[in-house]
């Protein structure tokens, strides 16, 4: 009974050993197969004599990207042409310039305020004096101490004695004095003639002596008007 058991056990041990050796051989074969797979190329191109066909099946991953090149070019913009400035009429004197200036053109409200001040304040003065009065109105409109428009300057309270209740008296539009006042206003506004009171912002008649004049700088006296800054 004991010998039979030993024989059975021996057979079992031999079978197990055989199975173990078989397992080792199988593992080795499996490992060799895995190594062969890793070593093999990922994509194999079939051999062919056609170069175009080979190019088509070549892996795209092998192509190196082209380097990016930045080109700096100057940006040129078309600049619109500026209109040529209106040429001032040539004149040998202010009187000639006034005679050459067309008084029949329509006046804007601002230009009417400027011409009206010349008309009421200086129509009996020489042309240089009329131009200086227009210059005072223009200078005030450019100075932040006063309103920024001709009409704002003229209608400012207690500045010009001819203004009543913020209104300008009626103008004799058919008179020569009004024609001259319009011409002087246009000449002053366009800067066509230099005034001897170019920087003036105050003026008064020489027959009065306002207190404020003592603290101002006198620039010129033209006939009966004295101009200051």
Protein backbone atom coordinates (compact mmCIF):
# COMPACT_ATOMS: atom_id res chain seq x y z
CA UNK A 1 0.00 0.00 0.00
CA UNK A 2 2.83 2.38 0.80
CA UNK A 3 4.73 1.60 -2.39
CA UNK A 4 1.75 2.37 -4.56
CA UNK A 5 1.41 5.68 -2.89
CA UNK A 6 5.05 6.52 -3.49
CA UNK A 7 4.77 5.57 -7.15
CA UNK A 8 1.78 7.81 -7.58
CA UNK A 9 3.57 10.64 -5.90
CA UNK A 10 6.62 10.24 -8.11
CA UNK A 11 4.48 10.35 -11.19
CA UNK A 12 2.85 13.51 -9.91
CA UNK A 13 6.21 15.16 -9.22
CA UNK A 14 7.49 14.27 -12.68
CA UNK A 15 4.37 15.67 -14.29
CA UNK A 16 4.70 18.89 -12.32
CA UNK A 17 8.35 19.24 -13.30
CA UNK A 18 7.46 18.71 -16.92
CA UNK A 19 4.74 21.29 -16.66
CA UNK A 20 7.11 23.78 -15.00
CA UNK A 21 9.76 23.38 -17.70
CA UNK A 22 7.09 23.76 -20.34
CA UNK A 23 5.94 26.97 -18.65
CA UNK A 24 9.49 28.37 -18.65
CA UNK A 25 9.90 27.60 -22.30
CA UNK A 26 6.58 29.22 -23.09
CA UNK A 27 7.48 32.34 -21.12
CA UNK A 28 10.80 32.58 -22.92
CA UNK A 29 9.08 32.23 -26.25
CA UNK A 30 6.56 34.90 -25.29
CA UNK A 31 9.34 37.27 -24.20
CA UNK A 32 11.22 36.74 -27.44
CA UNK A 33 8.07 37.49 -29.43
CA UNK A 34 7.52 40.75 -27.48
CA UNK A 35 11.13 41.84 -28.04
CA UNK A 36 10.82 41.14 -31.74
CA UNK A 37 7.68 43.23 -31.88
CA UNK A 38 9.33 46.20 -30.16
CA UNK A 39 12.38 46.01 -32.38
CA UNK A 40 10.29 45.85 -35.54
CA UNK A 41 9.57 49.24 -37.31
CA UNK A 42 6.21 50.80 -36.51
CA UNK A 43 5.33 51.27 -40.19
CA UNK A 44 6.79 49.18 -42.90
CA UNK A 45 6.62 50.50 -46.43
CA UNK A 46 6.35 47.82 -49.05
CA UNK A 47 9.23 47.65 -51.44
CA UNK A 48 8.46 49.22 -54.76
CA UNK A 49 10.26 50.79 -57.65
CA UNK A 50 7.78 53.63 -57.96
CA UNK A 51 9.26 56.72 -56.20
CA UNK A 52 5.90 58.51 -56.19
CA UNK A 53 4.26 55.59 -54.42
CA UNK A 54 7.02 55.51 -51.80
CA UNK A 55 6.60 59.23 -51.22
CA UNK A 56 2.88 58.83 -50.63
CA UNK A 57 3.26 56.15 -48.00
CA UNK A 58 6.21 57.75 -46.18
CA UNK A 59 5.09 58.63 -42.65
CA UNK A 60 4.12 62.31 -42.36
CA UNK A 61 5.63 62.44 -38.91
CA UNK A 62 9.10 62.36 -40.48
CA UNK A 63 8.53 65.78 -42.17
CA UNK A 64 10.08 68.66 -40.18
CA UNK A 65 7.89 71.85 -40.00
CA UNK A 66 9.10 74.90 -41.87
CA UNK A 67 10.39 77.67 -39.55
CA UNK A 68 8.06 80.69 -39.22
CA UNK A 69 9.53 83.84 -40.74
CA UNK A 70 8.17 87.23 -39.72
CA UNK A 71 8.58 90.00 -42.30
CA UNK A 72 8.41 93.58 -41.09
CA UNK A 73 7.01 95.97 -43.66
CA UNK A 74 6.29 99.66 -43.17
CA UNK A 75 2.58 100.49 -43.15
CA UNK A 76 1.89 103.31 -45.56
CA UNK A 77 -1.41 105.18 -45.29
CA UNK A 78 -2.74 107.53 -47.86
CA UNK A 79 -2.87 111.06 -46.48
CA UNK A 80 -5.73 113.13 -47.88
CA UNK A 81 -4.59 116.18 -49.70
CA UNK A 82 -5.17 119.40 -47.81
CA UNK A 83 -6.92 122.19 -49.68
CA UNK A 84 -4.72 125.07 -50.63
CA UNK A 85 -5.25 128.10 -48.38
CA UNK A 86 -7.06 130.97 -49.96
CA UNK A 87 -4.52 133.52 -51.14
CA UNK A 88 -4.91 136.94 -49.60
CA UNK A 89 -5.51 139.71 -52.12
CA UNK A 90 -2.46 141.87 -52.64
CA UNK A 91 -2.95 145.40 -51.44
CA UNK A 92 -0.60 148.27 -50.65
CA UNK A 93 -2.74 149.64 -47.83
CA UNK A 94 -5.62 148.69 -45.58
CA UNK A 95 -7.84 151.04 -47.55
CA UNK A 96 -7.04 149.19 -50.78
CA UNK A 97 -7.70 145.85 -49.07
CA UNK A 98 -11.09 147.05 -47.83
CA UNK A 99 -11.97 148.19 -51.35
CA UNK A 100 -10.99 144.76 -52.72
CA UNK A 101 -13.07 142.84 -50.16
CA UNK A 102 -16.56 141.85 -51.33
CA UNK A 103 -19.14 143.16 -48.82
CA UNK A 104 -22.09 141.41 -50.48
CA UNK A 105 -21.45 137.90 -49.14
CA UNK A 106 -23.87 136.52 -46.55
CA UNK A 107 -22.63 136.89 -42.96
CA UNK A 108 -22.94 134.19 -40.32
CA UNK A 109 -24.31 135.19 -36.92
CA UNK A 110 -20.78 135.27 -35.48
CA UNK A 111 -19.46 137.48 -38.26
CA UNK A 112 -22.46 139.76 -37.94
CA UNK A 113 -21.68 140.23 -34.25
CA UNK A 114 -18.08 141.12 -35.13
CA UNK A 115 -19.04 143.52 -37.92
CA UNK A 116 -21.78 145.06 -35.77
CA UNK A 117 -19.27 145.89 -33.03
CA UNK A 118 -17.04 147.59 -35.58
CA UNK A 119 -20.02 149.48 -36.93
CA UNK A 120 -21.34 150.75 -33.58
CA UNK A 121 -18.05 151.26 -31.77
CA UNK A 122 -15.79 152.63 -34.50
CA UNK A 123 -17.58 153.54 -37.72
CA UNK A 124 -16.34 157.13 -37.34
CA UNK A 125 -12.75 155.99 -36.68
CA UNK A 126 -10.00 155.48 -39.29
CA UNK A 127 -9.76 151.98 -40.75
CA UNK A 128 -6.83 151.06 -38.47
CA UNK A 129 -9.01 151.96 -35.49
CA UNK A 130 -11.89 149.86 -36.80
CA UNK A 131 -9.57 146.91 -37.34
CA UNK A 132 -8.25 147.28 -33.78
CA UNK A 133 -11.78 147.11 -32.35
CA UNK A 134 -12.44 143.91 -34.30
CA UNK A 135 -9.15 142.56 -32.97
CA UNK A 136 -10.23 143.16 -29.36
CA UNK A 137 -13.39 141.06 -29.88
CA UNK A 138 -11.39 138.26 -31.50
CA UNK A 139 -8.73 138.29 -28.78
CA UNK A 140 -11.35 138.06 -26.05
CA UNK A 141 -13.00 135.09 -27.77
CA UNK A 142 -9.64 133.29 -27.64
CA UNK A 143 -9.03 134.17 -23.98
CA UNK A 144 -10.63 131.90 -21.37
CA UNK A 145 -11.52 134.91 -19.23
CA UNK A 146 -14.26 135.73 -21.73
CA UNK A 147 -16.85 133.74 -23.70
CA UNK A 148 -15.45 131.65 -26.53
CA UNK A 149 -17.49 133.17 -29.38
CA UNK A 150 -17.78 136.60 -30.96
CA UNK A 151 -21.44 136.94 -30.04
CA UNK A 152 -20.73 135.73 -26.50
CA UNK A 153 -18.10 138.46 -26.11
CA UNK A 154 -20.27 141.20 -27.61
CA UNK A 155 -23.39 140.35 -25.61
CA UNK A 156 -21.60 139.83 -22.32
CA UNK A 157 -23.15 142.04 -19.69
CA UNK A 158 -21.75 145.58 -19.24
CA UNK A 159 -18.99 145.22 -21.86
CA UNK A 160 -20.18 147.29 -24.84
CA UNK A 161 -22.33 150.34 -24.35
CA UNK A 162 -24.21 149.97 -27.64
CA UNK A 163 -25.73 146.63 -26.50
CA UNK A 164 -29.08 147.08 -24.76
CA UNK A 165 -30.85 144.14 -23.11
CA UNK A 166 -28.53 141.75 -24.92
CA UNK A 167 -29.65 143.08 -28.27
CA UNK A 168 -27.89 144.97 -31.03
CA UNK A 169 -29.57 148.11 -32.38
CA UNK A 170 -30.80 148.21 -35.95
CA UNK A 171 -28.05 148.60 -38.54
CA UNK A 172 -28.40 150.74 -41.64
CA UNK A 173 -27.42 147.92 -43.94
CA UNK A 174 -27.48 150.16 -47.05
CA UNK A 175 -24.84 152.53 -45.69
CA UNK A 176 -21.18 152.73 -46.69
CA UNK A 177 -20.26 152.47 -43.02
CA UNK A 178 -21.84 149.00 -42.85
CA UNK A 179 -20.03 147.90 -46.02
CA UNK A 180 -16.72 148.97 -44.49
CA UNK A 181 -17.56 147.28 -41.17
CA UNK A 182 -18.27 143.99 -42.96
CA UNK A 183 -15.03 144.22 -44.92
CA UNK A 184 -13.03 145.01 -41.76
CA UNK A 185 -14.63 142.06 -39.94
CA UNK A 186 -13.66 139.67 -42.75
CA UNK A 187 -10.12 141.03 -42.96
CA UNK A 188 -9.66 140.71 -39.18
CA UNK A 189 -11.19 137.23 -39.00
CA UNK A 190 -9.00 135.94 -41.85
CA UNK A 191 -5.88 137.65 -40.50
CA UNK A 192 -5.25 139.50 -43.76
CA UNK A 193 -3.84 142.67 -42.19
CA UNK A 194 -1.79 143.27 -39.04
CA UNK A 195 -3.33 145.51 -36.42
CA UNK A 196 -1.24 147.93 -34.30
CA UNK A 197 -3.30 146.64 -31.35
CA UNK A 198 -2.75 142.97 -32.13
CA UNK A 199 -2.80 141.76 -28.49
CA UNK A 200 -5.36 144.19 -27.10
CA UNK A 201 -8.30 142.96 -25.02
CA UNK A 202 -9.46 146.38 -23.69
CA UNK A 203 -10.07 149.80 -25.17
CA UNK A 204 -11.80 153.05 -24.27
CA UNK A 205 -12.27 156.51 -25.70
CA UNK A 206 -9.64 159.10 -24.81
CA UNK A 207 -12.21 161.43 -23.28
CA UNK A 208 -12.82 159.04 -20.39
CA UNK A 209 -10.42 157.59 -17.82
CA UNK A 210 -11.74 154.33 -16.39
CA UNK A 211 -10.12 153.10 -13.17
CA UNK A 212 -9.23 149.71 -14.66
CA UNK A 213 -6.96 151.33 -17.27
CA UNK A 214 -4.35 152.14 -14.61
CA UNK A 215 -3.61 148.45 -14.08
CA UNK A 216 -3.36 147.63 -17.81
CA UNK A 217 -0.54 147.89 -20.35
CA UNK A 218 -1.16 150.48 -23.04
CA UNK A 219 -0.48 149.19 -26.54
CA UNK A 220 -1.63 151.88 -28.94
CA UNK A 221 -3.78 154.94 -29.40
CA UNK A 222 -5.59 155.22 -32.72
CA UNK A 223 -7.50 158.47 -33.11
CA UNK A 224 -9.89 158.63 -30.15
CA UNK A 225 -9.43 155.04 -28.90
CA UNK A 226 -6.71 153.75 -26.55
CA UNK A 227 -6.01 150.00 -26.54
CA UNK A 228 -4.62 147.85 -23.69
CA UNK A 229 -3.76 144.34 -22.74
